[in-house]
Amino acid sequence: MNVILAVFRSRTQTRIFAEAMREHGAVCSVIQTPPEARIGCGISARFYSTDKPRAERVIRQYRLTSFNGFYETMRITGRTTVRKIR
């Protein structure tokens, strides 16, 4: 199962998002943003790709204006790569 990061410019909104995702039945946790991303406030919300439509609804419903985008992380031969998806 693929993992997606929701990246925000606000730590508070990252936590609001993660809590709302859990309240809506998704598995979601707050993690340190991978340094390779060089984006956001330093923490991100991690969830499974199957919950992406739910994540989009949460962002709209809670009006999370500091949302910076969804990112996919992959480990290739020991290196982490991060790419924006949408």
C-alpha atoms as a PDB file:
ATOM      1  CA  MET A   1       0.000   0.000   0.000  1.00  0.00           C
ATOM      2  CA  ASN A   2       1.391   3.402  -0.973  1.00  0.00           C
ATOM      3  CA  VAL A   3       1.892   6.143   1.582  1.00  0.00           C
ATOM      4  CA  ILE A   4       1.197   9.835   1.008  1.00  0.00           C
ATOM      5  CA  LEU A   5       2.319  12.861   2.991  1.00  0.00           C
ATOM      6  CA  ALA A   6       0.085  15.900   3.406  1.00  0.00           C
ATOM      7  CA  VAL A   7       2.396  18.861   3.853  1.00  0.00           C
ATOM      8  CA  PHE A   8       1.323  22.105   5.511  1.00  0.00           C
ATOM      9  CA  ARG A   9       3.077  25.381   6.292  1.00  0.00           C
ATOM     10  CA  SER A  10       1.490  25.335   9.762  1.00  0.00           C
ATOM     11  CA  ARG A  11       2.214  22.796  12.493  1.00  0.00           C
ATOM     12  CA  THR A  12      -1.203  23.492  14.029  1.00  0.00           C
ATOM     13  CA  GLN A  13      -3.022  22.744  10.781  1.00  0.00           C
ATOM     14  CA  THR A  14      -0.965  19.565  10.320  1.00  0.00           C
ATOM     15  CA  ARG A  15      -2.209  18.336  13.686  1.00  0.00           C
ATOM     16  CA  ILE A  16      -5.798  19.400  12.954  1.00  0.00           C
ATOM     17  CA  PHE A  17      -5.677  17.490   9.672  1.00  0.00           C
ATOM     18  CA  ALA A  18      -4.270  14.317  11.269  1.00  0.00           C
ATOM     19  CA  GLU A  19      -6.865  14.362  14.041  1.00  0.00           C
ATOM     20  CA  ALA A  20      -9.715  14.956  11.580  1.00  0.00           C
ATOM     21  CA  MET A  21      -8.492  12.090   9.388  1.00  0.00           C
ATOM     22  CA  ARG A  22      -8.482   9.750  12.397  1.00  0.00           C
ATOM     23  CA  GLU A  23     -11.972  10.933  13.397  1.00  0.00           C
ATOM     24  CA  HIS A  24     -13.126  10.053   9.864  1.00  0.00           C
ATOM     25  CA  GLY A  25     -11.708   6.519  10.171  1.00  0.00           C
ATOM     26  CA  ALA A  26      -8.350   6.848   8.414  1.00  0.00           C
ATOM     27  CA  VAL A  27      -5.013   5.663   9.727  1.00  0.00           C
ATOM     28  CA  CYS A  28      -3.007   8.883   9.953  1.00  0.00           C
ATOM     29  CA  SER A  29       0.031   9.972  11.925  1.00  0.00           C
ATOM     30  CA  VAL A  30       2.172  13.066  12.295  1.00  0.00           C
ATOM     31  CA  ILE A  31       5.802  12.526  11.262  1.00  0.00           C
ATOM     32  CA  GLN A  32       8.875  14.611  10.564  1.00  0.00           C
ATOM     33  CA  THR A  33       8.895  15.745   6.963  1.00  0.00           C
ATOM     34  CA  PRO A  34      11.739  14.002   5.128  1.00  0.00           C
ATOM     35  CA  PRO A  35      14.623  16.452   4.739  1.00  0.00           C
ATOM     36  CA  GLU A  36      14.717  15.652   1.012  1.00  0.00           C
ATOM     37  CA  ALA A  37      11.384  17.428   0.646  1.00  0.00           C
ATOM     38  CA  ARG A  38      12.681  20.827   1.845  1.00  0.00           C
ATOM     39  CA  ILE A  39       9.106  22.014   2.276  1.00  0.00           C
ATOM     40  CA  GLY A  40       6.551  22.851   4.903  1.00  0.00           C
ATOM     41  CA  CYS A  41       6.848  23.408   8.625  1.00  0.00           C
ATOM     42  CA  GLY A  42       8.946  20.351   9.471  1.00  0.00           C
ATOM     43  CA  ILE A  43       6.136  17.918  10.220  1.00  0.00           C
ATOM     44  CA  SER A  44       3.685  16.206   7.876  1.00  0.00           C
ATOM     45  CA  ALA A  45       0.666  13.944   8.112  1.00  0.00           C
ATOM     46  CA  ARG A  46       1.210  10.425   6.796  1.00  0.00           C
ATOM     47  CA  PHE A  47      -1.679   8.305   5.485  1.00  0.00           C
ATOM     48  CA  TYR A  48      -2.412   5.556   2.960  1.00  0.00           C
ATOM     49  CA  SER A  49      -3.091   6.457  -0.664  1.00  0.00           C
ATOM     50  CA  THR A  50      -6.525   4.813  -0.473  1.00  0.00           C
ATOM     51  CA  ASP A  51      -7.567   7.654   1.864  1.00  0.00           C
ATOM     52  CA  LYS A  52      -6.565  10.473  -0.509  1.00  0.00           C
ATOM     53  CA  PRO A  53     -10.189  11.364  -1.446  1.00  0.00           C
ATOM     54  CA  ARG A  54     -10.989  11.543   2.288  1.00  0.00           C
ATOM     55  CA  ALA A  55      -7.940  13.763   2.827  1.00  0.00           C
ATOM     56  CA  GLU A  56      -9.084  16.155   0.104  1.00  0.00           C
ATOM     57  CA  ARG A  57     -12.518  16.408   1.750  1.00  0.00           C
ATOM     58  CA  VAL A  58     -10.967  17.093   5.168  1.00  0.00           C
ATOM     59  CA  ILE A  59      -8.803  19.891   3.742  1.00  0.00           C
ATOM     60  CA  ARG A  60     -11.868  21.538   2.157  1.00  0.00           C
ATOM     61  CA  GLN A  61     -14.175  20.960   5.131  1.00  0.00           C
ATOM     62  CA  TYR A  62     -11.730  22.368   7.711  1.00  0.00           C
ATOM     63  CA  ARG A  63     -10.508  25.140   5.365  1.00  0.00           C
ATOM     64  CA  LEU A  64      -6.853  24.274   5.950  1.00  0.00           C
ATOM     65  CA  THR A  65      -5.306  27.208   4.106  1.00  0.00           C
ATOM     66  CA  SER A  66      -1.690  26.328   4.869  1.00  0.00           C
ATOM     67  CA  PHE A  67      -1.930  23.092   2.838  1.00  0.00           C
ATOM     68  CA  ASN A  68       1.131  22.841   0.570  1.00  0.00           C
ATOM     69  CA  GLY A  69       0.308  19.643  -1.315  1.00  0.00           C
ATOM     70  CA  PHE A  70       0.419  15.882  -1.334  1.00  0.00           C
ATOM     71  CA  TYR A  71       3.764  14.151  -1.678  1.00  0.00           C
ATOM     72  CA  GLU A  72       4.815  10.586  -2.300  1.00  0.00           C
ATOM     73  CA  THR A  73       8.022   9.263  -0.801  1.00  0.00           C
ATOM     74  CA  MET A  74       9.987   6.340  -2.172  1.00  0.00           C
ATOM     75  CA  ARG A  75      13.196   4.629  -1.077  1.00  0.00           C
ATOM     76  CA  ILE A  76      15.333   3.689  -4.060  1.00  0.00           C
ATOM     77  CA  THR A  77      18.664   1.968  -3.398  1.00  0.00           C
ATOM     78  CA  GLY A  78      18.874   3.475   0.068  1.00  0.00           C
ATOM     79  CA  ARG A  79      17.950   7.034  -0.966  1.00  0.00           C
ATOM     80  CA  THR A  80      14.666   8.750  -0.232  1.00  0.00           C
ATOM     81  CA  THR A  81      12.996  10.605  -3.070  1.00  0.00           C
ATOM     82  CA  VAL A  82      10.009  12.894  -2.666  1.00  0.00           C
ATOM     83  CA  ARG A  83       7.711  13.994  -5.452  1.00  0.00           C
ATOM     84  CA  LYS A  84       4.623  16.151  -5.450  1.00  0.00           C
ATOM     85  CA  ILE A  85       1.385  14.550  -6.594  1.00  0.00           C
ATOM     86  CA  ARG A  86      -2.074  15.965  -7.179  1.00  0.00           C
END
